[in-house]
Amino acid sequence: MTGMPLGSGGSKSVMIDKVYTQTVVTSSKSYLVTKPSLTGVIPDGSKILSIKATNLNGRSLTFTVPSGSELMLTQDAAASAPLPTISRMMVAPLSRFPVIKVDIPDLLSRPIDTDSASTATLFSLATDGASDNVLLRFHVKIAI
C-alpha cells in the first residue's frame, strides 16, 4: 500500500524519518535497553525502524532481542506462538569496530512510550570488555 494514514476528521498524518544517537557504557560486559532508558533520546510515540550498534572500544558485540520484546507488534509474550529470542554476534578484525544493524519493518514496528514505567527489556548488548562504549543509532519514524 502507498499513501499516508488518515488521521481523525479526514486530515492526513504527516510522518517524518529522523536519526538519533546515544552512547552507552556497558556494565559487567552487558547493557539492557528498556523504554525508560530511551527517555530524552527518542521522542514519545516513535516507531524504531532500525538500530545500528557499534562497539567503540572492544572487539566483539552481541545484540539480543528477547522473546516478547515490545519493539515489534508480533512480539507479544501472551501470543500463542511468540517469536523466539533472536541474537546476533559480530567479531571485528583488529582494524575495525564491530557493528550490528537490526532492521524492523514499518508495519511490524511498535510505537515506543518512553514515559512508561515498564522495565521489560527491548534489547540487550553484550561486549568483550567490562565497560565498553557502545554507540547506538536509532532510525525512527515520527508522526507530526
Protein backbone atom coordinates (compact mmCIF):
# COMPACT_ATOMS: atom_id res chain seq x y z
CA MET A 1 0.00 0.00 0.00
CA THR A 2 1.12 3.54 -0.63
CA GLY A 3 -0.04 6.85 0.79
CA MET A 4 -0.36 8.34 4.24
CA PRO A 5 -2.58 7.02 7.05
CA LEU A 6 -5.70 9.06 7.70
CA GLY A 7 -5.90 10.99 10.94
CA SER A 8 -9.06 12.00 12.75
CA GLY A 9 -11.56 14.09 10.82
CA GLY A 10 -10.17 13.11 7.43
CA SER A 11 -6.91 15.03 7.83
CA LYS A 12 -3.73 13.21 6.91
CA SER A 13 -0.96 12.41 9.37
CA VAL A 14 2.48 13.52 8.25
CA MET A 15 5.29 11.09 9.02
CA ILE A 16 8.95 12.07 9.09
CA ASP A 17 12.11 9.98 9.44
CA LYS A 18 14.81 11.08 11.88
CA VAL A 19 18.02 9.63 13.24
CA TYR A 20 19.01 9.85 16.90
CA THR A 21 22.22 8.63 18.52
CA GLN A 22 23.15 7.65 22.05
CA THR A 23 26.40 6.41 23.57
CA VAL A 24 26.04 3.90 26.40
CA VAL A 25 28.65 2.29 28.64
CA THR A 26 28.34 -1.40 29.37
CA SER A 27 28.50 -2.56 32.95
CA SER A 28 29.89 -6.03 33.61
CA LYS A 29 30.05 -6.65 29.85
CA SER A 30 26.33 -6.01 29.24
CA TYR A 31 23.73 -3.28 28.84
CA LEU A 32 19.92 -3.63 28.89
CA VAL A 33 17.81 -1.15 26.91
CA THR A 34 14.32 -0.51 28.33
CA LYS A 35 11.65 2.07 27.48
CA PRO A 36 12.67 4.45 30.33
CA SER A 37 16.33 4.28 29.19
CA LEU A 38 15.24 5.87 25.89
CA THR A 39 13.66 8.92 27.60
CA GLY A 40 15.25 12.03 26.13
CA VAL A 41 16.88 10.00 23.34
CA ILE A 42 13.90 9.44 21.03
CA PRO A 43 10.53 11.24 21.12
CA ASP A 44 7.47 9.52 22.59
CA GLY A 45 5.42 7.59 20.04
CA SER A 46 8.36 7.00 17.71
CA LYS A 47 8.50 3.78 15.74
CA ILE A 48 12.02 2.38 15.61
CA LEU A 49 12.75 1.23 12.06
CA SER A 50 16.40 0.30 12.57
CA ILE A 51 19.06 0.16 15.26
CA LYS A 52 22.77 0.25 14.50
CA ALA A 53 25.09 -0.66 17.39
CA THR A 54 28.85 -0.04 17.22
CA ASN A 55 31.31 -1.11 19.91
CA LEU A 56 33.81 1.75 20.11
CA ASN A 57 36.30 0.02 22.42
CA GLY A 58 36.08 -3.75 22.19
CA ARG A 59 36.45 -6.38 19.53
CA SER A 60 33.08 -8.13 19.85
CA LEU A 61 29.43 -7.20 20.17
CA THR A 62 26.31 -9.29 20.74
CA PHE A 63 22.81 -7.88 20.11
CA THR A 64 19.86 -9.81 21.59
CA VAL A 65 16.12 -9.19 21.17
CA PRO A 66 14.30 -11.26 23.81
CA SER A 67 11.07 -13.10 23.17
CA GLY A 68 8.17 -10.77 23.97
CA SER A 69 10.15 -7.58 23.25
CA GLU A 70 7.97 -4.51 22.77
CA LEU A 71 9.95 -3.39 19.72
CA MET A 72 7.58 -5.25 17.40
CA LEU A 73 3.84 -5.82 17.27
CA THR A 74 4.33 -9.57 16.73
CA GLN A 75 6.49 -9.91 19.84
CA ASP A 76 3.58 -10.43 22.24
CA ALA A 77 4.60 -12.76 25.06
CA ALA A 78 0.93 -13.73 25.51
CA ALA A 79 0.62 -14.83 21.87
CA SER A 80 0.05 -18.48 21.13
CA ALA A 81 3.37 -18.64 19.26
CA PRO A 82 5.65 -15.73 20.25
CA LEU A 83 8.88 -15.25 18.33
CA PRO A 84 11.93 -16.85 19.93
CA THR A 85 14.86 -14.87 21.29
CA ILE A 86 16.95 -13.52 18.41
CA SER A 87 20.66 -12.97 18.98
CA ARG A 88 23.48 -11.91 16.64
CA MET A 89 27.20 -11.60 17.31
CA MET A 90 29.88 -9.67 15.42
CA VAL A 91 33.61 -10.03 15.94
CA ALA A 92 35.75 -7.40 14.23
CA PRO A 93 39.30 -7.76 12.93
CA LEU A 94 41.97 -5.62 14.53
CA SER A 95 41.39 -2.63 12.23
CA ARG A 96 37.59 -2.30 12.56
CA PHE A 97 34.85 -1.70 15.11
CA PRO A 98 32.17 -4.42 15.40
CA VAL A 99 28.84 -3.19 14.03
CA ILE A 100 25.41 -4.86 14.12
CA LYS A 101 22.40 -3.40 12.31
CA VAL A 102 18.85 -4.51 13.07
CA ASP A 103 16.02 -3.55 10.70
CA ILE A 104 12.36 -3.61 11.78
CA PRO A 105 9.70 -3.38 9.04
CA ASP A 106 7.45 -0.34 9.39
CA LEU A 107 4.27 -2.44 9.56
CA LEU A 108 5.68 -4.52 12.44
CA SER A 109 7.30 -1.70 14.43
CA ARG A 110 5.50 -0.72 17.63
CA PRO A 111 5.42 2.93 18.85
CA ILE A 112 7.64 3.33 21.91
CA ASP A 113 6.23 5.01 25.04
CA THR A 114 9.40 6.28 26.76
CA ASP A 115 7.41 7.56 29.75
CA SER A 116 6.28 4.02 30.53
CA ALA A 117 7.35 2.55 33.85
CA SER A 118 7.83 -0.81 32.13
CA THR A 119 11.19 -2.36 32.93
CA ALA A 120 10.88 -5.04 30.25
CA THR A 121 13.99 -5.31 28.08
CA LEU A 122 13.61 -4.06 24.49
CA PHE A 123 17.04 -5.43 23.57
CA SER A 124 20.37 -6.12 25.22
CA LEU A 125 24.00 -5.64 24.31
CA ALA A 126 26.99 -7.72 25.37
CA THR A 127 30.65 -6.85 24.82
CA ASP A 128 34.03 -8.41 25.50
CA GLY A 129 35.20 -5.51 27.66
CA ALA A 130 33.87 -4.87 31.15
CA SER A 131 32.98 -1.23 30.39
CA ASP A 132 32.97 -0.60 26.63
CA ASN A 133 31.39 2.43 24.95
CA VAL A 134 28.66 1.42 22.50
CA LEU A 135 27.22 3.89 20.00
CA LEU A 136 23.53 3.32 19.28
CA ARG A 137 21.96 4.89 16.17
CA PHE A 138 18.15 4.83 16.04
CA HIS A 139 16.33 5.45 12.73
CA VAL A 140 12.77 6.34 13.76
CA LYS A 141 9.51 7.39 12.14
CA ILE A 142 7.50 10.11 13.91
CA ALA A 143 4.01 11.46 13.21
CA ILE A 144 3.87 15.25 13.27
